[in-house]
PDB file of all heavy atoms in Angstrom:
ATOM      1  N   GLN A   1     -34.027 -12.476 105.055  1.00  0.00           N
ATOM      2  CA  GLN A   1     -33.425 -11.327 105.734  1.00  0.00           C
ATOM      3  C   GLN A   1     -33.136 -11.640 107.201  1.00  0.00           C
ATOM      4  O   GLN A   1     -32.074 -11.279 107.737  1.00  0.00           O
ATOM      5  CB  GLN A   1     -34.359 -10.119 105.624  1.00  0.00           C
ATOM      6  CG  GLN A   1     -33.773  -8.839 106.211  1.00  0.00           C
ATOM      7  CD  GLN A   1     -34.708  -7.665 106.034  1.00  0.00           C
ATOM      8  OE1 GLN A   1     -35.824  -7.835 105.521  1.00  0.00           O
ATOM      9  NE2 GLN A   1     -34.288  -6.493 106.458  1.00  0.00           N
ATOM     10  N   GLU A   2     -34.069 -12.328 107.873  1.00  0.00           N
ATOM     11  CA  GLU A   2     -33.839 -12.708 109.270  1.00  0.00           C
ATOM     12  C   GLU A   2     -32.659 -13.673 109.395  1.00  0.00           C
ATOM     13  O   GLU A   2     -31.869 -13.576 110.343  1.00  0.00           O
ATOM     14  CB  GLU A   2     -35.108 -13.344 109.843  1.00  0.00           C
ATOM     15  CG  GLU A   2     -36.254 -12.369 110.026  1.00  0.00           C
ATOM     16  CD  GLU A   2     -37.504 -13.062 110.531  1.00  0.00           C
ATOM     17  OE1 GLU A   2     -37.500 -14.321 110.588  1.00  0.00           O
ATOM     18  OE2 GLU A   2     -38.488 -12.359 110.860  1.00  0.00           O
ATOM     19  N   ALA A   3     -32.541 -14.598 108.444  1.00  0.00           N
ATOM     20  CA  ALA A   3     -31.404 -15.526 108.483  1.00  0.00           C
ATOM     21  C   ALA A   3     -30.084 -14.774 108.303  1.00  0.00           C
ATOM     22  O   ALA A   3     -29.091 -15.075 108.984  1.00  0.00           O
ATOM     23  CB  ALA A   3     -31.563 -16.575 107.384  1.00  0.00           C
ATOM     24  N   MET A   4     -30.079 -13.768 107.433  1.00  0.00           N
ATOM     25  CA  MET A   4     -28.865 -12.959 107.246  1.00  0.00           C
ATOM     26  C   MET A   4     -28.538 -12.180 108.514  1.00  0.00           C
ATOM     27  O   MET A   4     -27.366 -12.069 108.904  1.00  0.00           O
ATOM     28  CB  MET A   4     -29.054 -12.011 106.067  1.00  0.00           C
ATOM     29  CG  MET A   4     -29.098 -12.706 104.718  1.00  0.00           C
ATOM     30  SD  MET A   4     -29.427 -11.567 103.355  1.00  0.00           S
ATOM     31  CE  MET A   4     -27.960 -10.549 103.423  1.00  0.00           C
ATOM     32  N   GLU A   5     -29.576 -11.639 109.192  1.00  0.00           N
ATOM     33  CA  GLU A   5     -29.336 -10.910 110.439  1.00  0.00           C
ATOM     34  C   GLU A   5     -28.795 -11.835 111.525  1.00  0.00           C
ATOM     35  O   GLU A   5     -27.877 -11.475 112.268  1.00  0.00           O
ATOM     36  CB  GLU A   5     -30.640 -10.252 110.898  1.00  0.00           C
ATOM     37  CG  GLU A   5     -31.080  -9.098 110.012  1.00  0.00           C
ATOM     38  CD  GLU A   5     -32.394  -8.493 110.471  1.00  0.00           C
ATOM     39  OE1 GLU A   5     -32.983  -9.043 111.445  1.00  0.00           O
ATOM     40  OE2 GLU A   5     -32.836  -7.493 109.876  1.00  0.00           O
ATOM     41  N   ARG A   6     -29.369 -13.054 111.628  1.00  0.00           N
ATOM     42  CA  ARG A   6     -28.865 -14.014 112.611  1.00  0.00           C
ATOM     43  C   ARG A   6     -27.416 -14.396 112.314  1.00  0.00           C
ATOM     44  O   ARG A   6     -26.589 -14.518 113.229  1.00  0.00           O
ATOM     45  CB  ARG A   6     -29.753 -15.266 112.625  1.00  0.00           C
ATOM     46  CG  ARG A   6     -31.113 -15.065 113.271  1.00  0.00           C
ATOM     47  CD  ARG A   6     -31.758 -16.407 113.587  1.00  0.00           C
ATOM     48  NE  ARG A   6     -31.974 -17.195 112.394  1.00  0.00           N
ATOM     49  CZ  ARG A   6     -33.092 -17.174 111.674  1.00  0.00           C
ATOM     50  NH1 ARG A   6     -34.098 -16.386 112.035  1.00  0.00           N
ATOM     51  NH2 ARG A   6     -33.208 -17.937 110.597  1.00  0.00           N
ATOM     52  N   SER A   7     -27.121 -14.590 111.040  1.00  0.00           N
ATOM     53  CA  SER A   7     -25.745 -14.925 110.669  1.00  0.00           C
ATOM     54  C   SER A   7     -24.787 -13.792 111.017  1.00  0.00           C
ATOM     55  O   SER A   7     -23.678 -14.025 111.515  1.00  0.00           O
ATOM     56  CB  SER A   7     -25.686 -15.231 109.172  1.00  0.00           C
ATOM     57  OG  SER A   7     -24.353 -15.478 108.769  1.00  0.00           O
ATOM     58  N   GLU A   8     -25.238 -12.553 110.799  1.00  0.00           N
ATOM     59  CA  GLU A   8     -24.384 -11.404 111.133  1.00  0.00           C
ATOM     60  C   GLU A   8     -24.168 -11.299 112.636  1.00  0.00           C
ATOM     61  O   GLU A   8     -23.051 -11.028 113.100  1.00  0.00           O
ATOM     62  CB  GLU A   8     -25.034 -10.121 110.597  1.00  0.00           C
ATOM     63  CG  GLU A   8     -24.149  -8.897 110.685  1.00  0.00           C
ATOM     64  CD  GLU A   8     -22.954  -8.964 109.759  1.00  0.00           C
ATOM     65  OE1 GLU A   8     -23.024  -9.722 108.771  1.00  0.00           O
ATOM     66  OE2 GLU A   8     -21.947  -8.281 110.038  1.00  0.00           O
ATOM     67  N   LYS A   9     -25.240 -11.526 113.407  1.00  0.00           N
ATOM     68  CA  LYS A   9     -25.099 -11.485 114.865  1.00  0.00           C
ATOM     69  C   LYS A   9     -24.165 -12.589 115.358  1.00  0.00           C
ATOM     70  O   LYS A   9     -23.341 -12.365 116.251  1.00  0.00           O
ATOM     71  CB  LYS A   9     -26.477 -11.629 115.529  1.00  0.00           C
ATOM     72  CG  LYS A   9     -27.350 -10.400 115.398  1.00  0.00           C
ATOM     73  CD  LYS A   9     -28.673 -10.589 116.126  1.00  0.00           C
ATOM     74  CE  LYS A   9     -29.546  -9.353 116.016  1.00  0.00           C
ATOM     75  NZ  LYS A   9     -30.851  -9.535 116.697  1.00  0.00           N
ATOM     76  N   ALA A  10     -24.319 -13.798 114.787  1.00  0.00           N
ATOM     77  CA  ALA A  10     -23.430 -14.891 115.190  1.00  0.00           C
ATOM     78  C   ALA A  10     -21.975 -14.577 114.844  1.00  0.00           C
ATOM     79  O   ALA A  10     -21.058 -14.868 115.615  1.00  0.00           O
ATOM     80  CB  ALA A  10     -23.863 -16.189 114.498  1.00  0.00           C
ATOM     81  N   LYS A  11     -21.778 -13.925 113.693  1.00  0.00           N
ATOM     82  CA  LYS A  11     -20.414 -13.543 113.315  1.00  0.00           C
ATOM     83  C   LYS A  11     -19.844 -12.525 114.287  1.00  0.00           C
ATOM     84  O   LYS A  11     -18.680 -12.599 114.692  1.00  0.00           O
ATOM     85  CB  LYS A  11     -20.438 -12.983 111.897  1.00  0.00           C
ATOM     86  CG  LYS A  11     -19.058 -12.752 111.286  1.00  0.00           C
ATOM     87  CD  LYS A  11     -19.158 -12.121 109.913  1.00  0.00           C
ATOM     88  CE  LYS A  11     -19.862 -13.040 108.949  1.00  0.00           C
ATOM     89  NZ  LYS A  11     -19.916 -12.457 107.575  1.00  0.00           N
ATOM     90  N   GLN A  12     -20.677 -11.553 114.696  1.00  0.00           N
ATOM     91  CA  GLN A  12     -20.217 -10.556 115.669  1.00  0.00           C
ATOM     92  C   GLN A  12     -19.903 -11.203 117.018  1.00  0.00           C
ATOM     93  O   GLN A  12     -18.917 -10.845 117.669  1.00  0.00           O
ATOM     94  CB  GLN A  12     -21.267  -9.466 115.833  1.00  0.00           C
ATOM     95  CG  GLN A  12     -21.439  -8.593 114.605  1.00  0.00           C
ATOM     96  CD  GLN A  12     -22.516  -7.546 114.779  1.00  0.00           C
ATOM     97  OE1 GLN A  12     -23.160  -7.485 115.834  1.00  0.00           O
ATOM     98  NE2 GLN A  12     -22.740  -6.738 113.764  1.00  0.00           N
ATOM     99  N   LEU A  13     -20.758 -12.160 117.451  1.00  0.00           N
ATOM    100  CA  LEU A  13     -20.508 -12.840 118.722  1.00  0.00           C
ATOM    101  C   LEU A  13     -19.202 -13.633 118.675  1.00  0.00           C
ATOM    102  O   LEU A  13     -18.435 -13.642 119.642  1.00  0.00           O
ATOM    103  CB  LEU A  13     -21.678 -13.780 119.052  1.00  0.00           C
ATOM    104  CG  LEU A  13     -22.970 -13.104 119.534  1.00  0.00           C
ATOM    105  CD1 LEU A  13     -24.066 -14.141 119.697  1.00  0.00           C
ATOM    106  CD2 LEU A  13     -22.749 -12.371 120.842  1.00  0.00           C
ATOM    107  N   ARG A  14     -18.958 -14.307 117.551  1.00  0.00           N
ATOM    108  CA  ARG A  14     -17.703 -15.043 117.426  1.00  0.00           C
ATOM    109  C   ARG A  14     -16.505 -14.118 117.479  1.00  0.00           C
ATOM    110  O   ARG A  14     -15.487 -14.426 118.112  1.00  0.00           O
ATOM    111  CB  ARG A  14     -17.700 -15.839 116.109  1.00  0.00           C
ATOM    112  CG  ARG A  14     -18.572 -17.076 116.126  1.00  0.00           C
ATOM    113  CD  ARG A  14     -18.247 -17.989 114.959  1.00  0.00           C
ATOM    114  NE  ARG A  14     -18.508 -17.346 113.689  1.00  0.00           N
ATOM    115  CZ  ARG A  14     -19.664 -17.419 113.030  1.00  0.00           C
ATOM    116  NH1 ARG A  14     -20.669 -18.117 113.545  1.00  0.00           N
ATOM    117  NH2 ARG A  14     -19.830 -16.820 111.886  1.00  0.00           N
ATOM    118  N   ALA A  15     -16.649 -12.946 116.817  1.00  0.00           N
ATOM    119  CA  ALA A  15     -15.537 -11.986 116.850  1.00  0.00           C
ATOM    120  C   ALA A  15     -15.313 -11.470 118.268  1.00  0.00           C
ATOM    121  O   ALA A  15     -14.167 -11.337 118.724  1.00  0.00           O
ATOM    122  CB  ALA A  15     -15.839 -10.837 115.896  1.00  0.00           C
ATOM    123  N   MET A  16     -16.422 -11.200 119.005  1.00  0.00           N
ATOM    124  CA  MET A  16     -16.291 -10.707 120.374  1.00  0.00           C
ATOM    125  C   MET A  16     -15.682 -11.776 121.282  1.00  0.00           C
ATOM    126  O   MET A  16     -14.841 -11.473 122.139  1.00  0.00           O
ATOM    127  CB  MET A  16     -17.662 -10.271 120.899  1.00  0.00           C
ATOM    128  CG  MET A  16     -18.209  -9.024 120.232  1.00  0.00           C
ATOM    129  SD  MET A  16     -19.880  -8.620 120.755  1.00  0.00           S
ATOM    130  CE  MET A  16     -19.607  -8.256 122.480  1.00  0.00           C
ATOM    131  N   ARG A  17     -16.109 -13.033 121.112  1.00  0.00           N
ATOM    132  CA  ARG A  17     -15.535 -14.115 121.914  1.00  0.00           C
ATOM    133  C   ARG A  17     -14.052 -14.290 121.613  1.00  0.00           C
ATOM    134  O   ARG A  17     -13.239 -14.514 122.523  1.00  0.00           O
ATOM    135  CB  ARG A  17     -16.281 -15.416 121.634  1.00  0.00           C
ATOM    136  CG  ARG A  17     -17.685 -15.451 122.208  1.00  0.00           C
ATOM    137  CD  ARG A  17     -18.403 -16.712 121.779  1.00  0.00           C
ATOM    138  NE  ARG A  17     -19.784 -16.752 122.269  1.00  0.00           N
ATOM    139  CZ  ARG A  17     -20.680 -17.646 121.918  1.00  0.00           C
ATOM    140  NH1 ARG A  17     -20.355 -18.595 121.048  1.00  0.00           N
ATOM    141  NH2 ARG A  17     -21.913 -17.604 122.399  1.00  0.00           N
ATOM    142  N   LYS A  18     -13.705 -14.182 120.346  1.00  0.00           N
ATOM    143  CA  LYS A  18     -12.303 -14.312 119.966  1.00  0.00           C
ATOM    144  C   LYS A  18     -11.472 -13.193 120.585  1.00  0.00           C
ATOM    145  O   LYS A  18     -10.379 -13.430 121.106  1.00  0.00           O
ATOM    146  CB  LYS A  18     -12.189 -14.283 118.439  1.00  0.00           C
ATOM    147  CG  LYS A  18     -10.815 -14.602 117.918  1.00  0.00           C
ATOM    148  CD  LYS A  18     -10.828 -14.667 116.408  1.00  0.00           C
ATOM    149  CE  LYS A  18      -9.445 -15.008 115.869  1.00  0.00           C
ATOM    150  NZ  LYS A  18      -9.446 -15.060 114.377  1.00  0.00           N
ATOM    151  N   TYR A  19     -12.036 -11.956 120.551  1.00  0.00           N
ATOM    152  CA  TYR A  19     -11.316 -10.833 121.145  1.00  0.00           C
ATOM    153  C   TYR A  19     -11.212 -10.990 122.664  1.00  0.00           C
ATOM    154  O   TYR A  19     -10.161 -10.741 123.262  1.00  0.00           O
ATOM    155  CB  TYR A  19     -12.035  -9.531 120.789  1.00  0.00           C
ATOM    156  CG  TYR A  19     -11.401  -8.304 121.392  1.00  0.00           C
ATOM    157  CD1 TYR A  19     -10.206  -7.803 120.899  1.00  0.00           C
ATOM    158  CD2 TYR A  19     -12.005  -7.657 122.470  1.00  0.00           C
ATOM    159  CE1 TYR A  19      -9.616  -6.690 121.448  1.00  0.00           C
ATOM    160  CE2 TYR A  19     -11.420  -6.539 123.031  1.00  0.00           C
ATOM    161  CZ  TYR A  19     -10.231  -6.055 122.508  1.00  0.00           C
ATOM    162  OH  TYR A  19      -9.650  -4.958 123.068  1.00  0.00           O
ATOM    163  N   GLY A  20     -12.331 -11.443 123.312  1.00  0.00           N
ATOM    164  CA  GLY A  20     -12.299 -11.659 124.765  1.00  0.00           C
ATOM    165  C   GLY A  20     -11.303 -12.738 125.153  1.00  0.00           C
ATOM    166  O   GLY A  20     -10.593 -12.614 126.154  1.00  0.00           O
ATOM    167  N   LYS A  21     -11.238 -13.813 124.360  1.00  0.00           N
ATOM    168  CA  LYS A  21     -10.269 -14.874 124.641  1.00  0.00           C
ATOM    169  C   LYS A  21      -8.848 -14.365 124.488  1.00  0.00           C
ATOM    170  O   LYS A  21      -7.950 -14.716 125.278  1.00  0.00           O
ATOM    171  CB  LYS A  21     -10.521 -16.042 123.693  1.00  0.00           C
ATOM    172  CG  LYS A  21      -9.727 -17.284 124.026  1.00  0.00           C
ATOM    173  CD  LYS A  21     -10.126 -18.433 123.122  1.00  0.00           C
ATOM    174  CE  LYS A  21      -9.344 -19.704 123.482  1.00  0.00           C
ATOM    175  NZ  LYS A  21      -9.736 -20.833 122.594  1.00  0.00           N
ATOM    176  N   LYS A  22      -8.633 -13.504 123.492  1.00  0.00           N
ATOM    177  CA  LYS A  22      -7.295 -12.937 123.290  1.00  0.00           C
ATOM    178  C   LYS A  22      -6.897 -12.069 124.473  1.00  0.00           C
ATOM    179  O   LYS A  22      -5.768 -12.154 124.987  1.00  0.00           O
ATOM    180  CB  LYS A  22      -7.284 -12.119 121.994  1.00  0.00           C
ATOM    181  CG  LYS A  22      -5.947 -11.513 121.665  1.00  0.00           C
ATOM    182  CD  LYS A  22      -6.022 -10.725 120.370  1.00  0.00           C
ATOM    183  CE  LYS A  22      -4.683 -10.064 120.060  1.00  0.00           C
ATOM    184  NZ  LYS A  22      -4.770  -9.267 118.800  1.00  0.00           N
ATOM    185  N   VAL A  23      -7.843 -11.230 124.944  1.00  0.00           N
ATOM    186  CA  VAL A  23      -7.556 -10.371 126.096  1.00  0.00           C
ATOM    187  C   VAL A  23      -7.285 -11.215 127.339  1.00  0.00           C
ATOM    188  O   VAL A  23      -6.361 -10.936 128.125  1.00  0.00           O
ATOM    189  CB  VAL A  23      -8.730  -9.401 126.331  1.00  0.00           C
ATOM    190  CG1 VAL A  23      -8.548  -8.636 127.628  1.00  0.00           C
ATOM    191  CG2 VAL A  23      -8.843  -8.426 125.174  1.00  0.00           C
ATOM    192  N   GLN A  24      -8.089 -12.278 127.537  1.00  0.00           N
ATOM    193  CA  GLN A  24      -7.890 -13.149 128.703  1.00  0.00           C
ATOM    194  C   GLN A  24      -6.527 -13.836 128.651  1.00  0.00           C
ATOM    195  O   GLN A  24      -5.842 -13.964 129.671  1.00  0.00           O
ATOM    196  CB  GLN A  24      -9.004 -14.184 128.749  1.00  0.00           C
ATOM    197  CG  GLN A  24      -8.978 -15.050 130.009  1.00  0.00           C
ATOM    198  CD  GLN A  24     -10.131 -16.032 130.039  1.00  0.00           C
ATOM    199  OE1 GLN A  24     -10.863 -16.143 129.075  1.00  0.00           O
ATOM    200  NE2 GLN A  24     -10.280 -16.738 131.122  1.00  0.00           N
ATOM    201  N   THR A  25      -6.133 -14.272 127.461  1.00  0.00           N
ATOM    202  CA  THR A  25      -4.816 -14.902 127.316  1.00  0.00           C
ATOM    203  C   THR A  25      -3.696 -13.926 127.643  1.00  0.00           C
ATOM    204  O   THR A  25      -2.718 -14.274 128.317  1.00  0.00           O
ATOM    205  CB  THR A  25      -4.658 -15.438 125.887  1.00  0.00           C
ATOM    206  OG1 THR A  25      -5.754 -16.316 125.589  1.00  0.00           O
ATOM    207  CG2 THR A  25      -3.348 -16.190 125.736  1.00  0.00           C
ATOM    208  N   GLU A  26      -3.842 -12.681 127.190  1.00  0.00           N
ATOM    209  CA  GLU A  26      -2.816 -11.675 127.486  1.00  0.00           C
ATOM    210  C   GLU A  26      -2.735 -11.405 128.985  1.00  0.00           C
ATOM    211  O   GLU A  26      -1.638 -11.258 129.542  1.00  0.00           O
ATOM    212  CB  GLU A  26      -3.137 -10.387 126.730  1.00  0.00           C
ATOM    213  CG  GLU A  26      -2.958 -10.503 125.219  1.00  0.00           C
ATOM    214  CD  GLU A  26      -3.343  -9.216 124.507  1.00  0.00           C
ATOM    215  OE1 GLU A  26      -3.811  -8.288 125.195  1.00  0.00           O
ATOM    216  OE2 GLU A  26      -3.169  -9.149 123.280  1.00  0.00           O
ATOM    217  N   ILE A  27      -3.893 -11.362 129.657  1.00  0.00           N
ATOM    218  CA  ILE A  27      -3.894 -11.121 131.107  1.00  0.00           C
ATOM    219  C   ILE A  27      -3.214 -12.272 131.839  1.00  0.00           C
ATOM    220  O   ILE A  27      -2.409 -12.066 132.761  1.00  0.00           O
ATOM    221  CB  ILE A  27      -5.335 -10.919 131.601  1.00  0.00           C
ATOM    222  CG1 ILE A  27      -5.899  -9.596 131.070  1.00  0.00           C
ATOM    223  CG2 ILE A  27      -5.385 -10.923 133.130  1.00  0.00           C
ATOM    224  CD1 ILE A  27      -7.353  -9.388 131.392  1.00  0.00           C
ATOM    225  N   LEU A  28      -3.528 -13.520 131.441  1.00  0.00           N
ATOM    226  CA  LEU A  28      -2.901 -14.678 132.090  1.00  0.00           C
ATOM    227  C   LEU A  28      -1.389 -14.692 131.860  1.00  0.00           C
ATOM    228  O   LEU A  28      -0.615 -14.987 132.783  1.00  0.00           O
ATOM    229  CB  LEU A  28      -3.526 -15.964 131.556  1.00  0.00           C
ATOM    230  CG  LEU A  28      -4.989 -16.223 131.941  1.00  0.00           C
ATOM    231  CD1 LEU A  28      -5.506 -17.479 131.263  1.00  0.00           C
ATOM    232  CD2 LEU A  28      -5.138 -16.340 133.457  1.00  0.00           C
ATOM    233  N   GLN A  29      -0.968 -14.354 130.650  1.00  0.00           N
ATOM    234  CA  GLN A  29       0.465 -14.312 130.375  1.00  0.00           C
ATOM    235  C   GLN A  29       1.149 -13.236 131.204  1.00  0.00           C
ATOM    236  O   GLN A  29       2.251 -13.449 131.725  1.00  0.00           O
ATOM    237  CB  GLN A  29       0.692 -14.063 128.884  1.00  0.00           C
ATOM    238  CG  GLN A  29       0.320 -15.239 127.997  1.00  0.00           C
ATOM    239  CD  GLN A  29       0.515 -14.935 126.532  1.00  0.00           C
ATOM    240  OE1 GLN A  29       0.862 -13.808 126.165  1.00  0.00           O
ATOM    241  NE2 GLN A  29       0.290 -15.927 125.672  1.00  0.00           N
ATOM    242  N   ARG A  30       0.486 -12.080 131.353  1.00  0.00           N
ATOM    243  CA  ARG A  30       1.082 -11.012 132.153  1.00  0.00           C
ATOM    244  C   ARG A  30       1.177 -11.415 133.623  1.00  0.00           C
ATOM    245  O   ARG A  30       2.186 -11.151 134.288  1.00  0.00           O
ATOM    246  CB  ARG A  30       0.250  -9.728 132.011  1.00  0.00           C
ATOM    247  CG  ARG A  30       0.922  -8.521 132.661  1.00  0.00           C
ATOM    248  CD  ARG A  30       0.172  -7.245 132.424  1.00  0.00           C
ATOM    249  NE  ARG A  30      -1.089  -7.201 133.136  1.00  0.00           N
ATOM    250  CZ  ARG A  30      -2.276  -7.256 132.561  1.00  0.00           C
ATOM    251  NH1 ARG A  30      -2.369  -7.355 131.244  1.00  0.00           N
ATOM    252  NH2 ARG A  30      -3.383  -7.198 133.269  1.00  0.00           N
ATOM    253  N   ARG A  31       0.138 -12.100 134.121  1.00  0.00           N
ATOM    254  CA  ARG A  31       0.180 -12.552 135.516  1.00  0.00           C
ATOM    255  C   ARG A  31       1.278 -13.585 135.733  1.00  0.00           C
ATOM    256  O   ARG A  31       1.982 -13.547 136.756  1.00  0.00           O
ATOM    257  CB  ARG A  31      -1.180 -13.140 135.905  1.00  0.00           C
ATOM    258  CG  ARG A  31      -2.277 -12.096 136.059  1.00  0.00           C
ATOM    259  CD  ARG A  31      -3.583 -12.756 136.443  1.00  0.00           C
ATOM    260  NE  ARG A  31      -4.643 -11.771 136.613  1.00  0.00           N
ATOM    261  CZ  ARG A  31      -5.915 -12.085 136.846  1.00  0.00           C
ATOM    262  NH1 ARG A  31      -6.280 -13.364 136.948  1.00  0.00           N
ATOM    263  NH2 ARG A  31      -6.822 -11.136 136.989  1.00  0.00           N
ATOM    264  N   GLN A  32       1.432 -14.504 134.792  1.00  0.00           N
ATOM    265  CA  GLN A  32       2.496 -15.503 134.923  1.00  0.00           C
ATOM    266  C   GLN A  32       3.871 -14.848 134.891  1.00  0.00           C
ATOM    267  O   GLN A  32       4.772 -15.246 135.642  1.00  0.00           O
ATOM    268  CB  GLN A  32       2.362 -16.534 133.796  1.00  0.00           C
ATOM    269  CG  GLN A  32       1.150 -17.440 133.926  1.00  0.00           C
ATOM    270  CD  GLN A  32       1.031 -18.412 132.769  1.00  0.00           C
ATOM    271  OE1 GLN A  32       1.845 -18.375 131.846  1.00  0.00           O
ATOM    272  NE2 GLN A  32       0.017 -19.264 132.798  1.00  0.00           N
TER     273      GLN A  32
END
């Protein structure tokens, strides 16, 4: 169960990083 929770948290972190990278890319494109 703990391994499943860690896997779920890692999946959420990857999704958040992916979303943050997408937002950062959009901001850089808008600035350019």
